[in-house]
Protein backbone atom coordinates (compact mmCIF):
# COMPACT_ATOMS: atom_id res chain seq x y z
CA MET A 1 17.34 -13.46 14.92
CA LYS A 2 19.59 -10.42 14.71
CA TYR A 3 18.32 -6.85 14.42
CA PHE A 4 19.61 -6.55 10.84
CA ASP A 5 17.81 -9.74 9.80
CA GLU A 6 14.53 -8.51 11.23
CA LEU A 7 14.93 -5.12 9.59
CA LYS A 8 15.63 -6.77 6.22
CA ARG A 9 12.63 -9.05 6.64
CA SER A 10 10.47 -6.02 7.41
CA MET A 11 11.63 -4.21 4.26
CA GLU A 12 10.80 -7.27 2.16
CA PHE A 13 7.36 -7.47 3.80
CA LEU A 14 6.69 -3.79 3.06
CA ALA A 15 7.87 -4.22 -0.54
CA LYS A 16 5.00 -6.66 -1.16
CA ASP A 17 2.53 -3.79 -0.78
CA PRO A 18 1.89 -2.27 -4.24
CA ASN A 19 1.61 1.20 -2.69
CA VAL A 20 5.05 1.13 -1.06
CA LEU A 21 8.04 2.79 -2.72
CA PHE A 22 11.40 3.20 -1.03
CA LEU A 23 12.97 6.54 -1.83
CA GLY A 24 16.02 8.36 -0.63
CA GLN A 25 19.79 8.28 -0.74
CA ALA A 26 21.49 4.88 -0.99
CA VAL A 27 18.29 2.90 -1.48
CA ALA A 28 19.04 1.77 -5.04
CA CYS A 29 22.82 2.18 -4.87
CA ALA A 30 25.10 0.81 -2.21
CA GLY A 31 26.52 3.26 0.27
CA THR A 32 25.01 2.75 3.71
CA ALA A 33 24.02 -0.09 6.01
CA MET A 34 20.44 0.64 4.98
CA SER A 35 21.30 -0.36 1.40
CA ASN A 36 21.88 -3.92 2.55
CA THR A 37 18.37 -4.16 4.03
CA LEU A 38 16.94 -3.44 0.57
CA LYS A 39 19.20 -5.65 -1.54
CA ASP A 40 16.44 -8.25 -2.15
CA VAL A 41 13.73 -5.65 -2.83
CA PRO A 42 12.96 -5.33 -6.57
CA GLY A 43 14.58 -2.34 -8.26
CA ARG A 44 11.21 -1.03 -9.44
CA LYS A 45 10.31 -0.42 -5.78
CA LYS A 46 13.37 1.79 -5.13
CA LEU A 47 13.86 5.40 -6.23
CA GLU A 48 17.29 6.88 -5.69
CA LEU A 49 17.36 10.60 -4.90
CA PRO A 50 20.37 12.91 -5.22
CA VAL A 51 22.11 14.50 -2.27
CA ASP A 52 20.40 17.78 -1.41
CA GLU A 53 22.59 20.02 0.68
């Protein structure tokens, strides 16, 4: 199993917990490699935040 596959599997495992919410940049919208690890996580579990510079 590749590192990416294991990371994606871990995100899906965490998403099953009702207390887990993924928040940050490029979690709900594509834009980074991290986005791909969350593509099968339900949208209700992801909260996109704006860039804060």
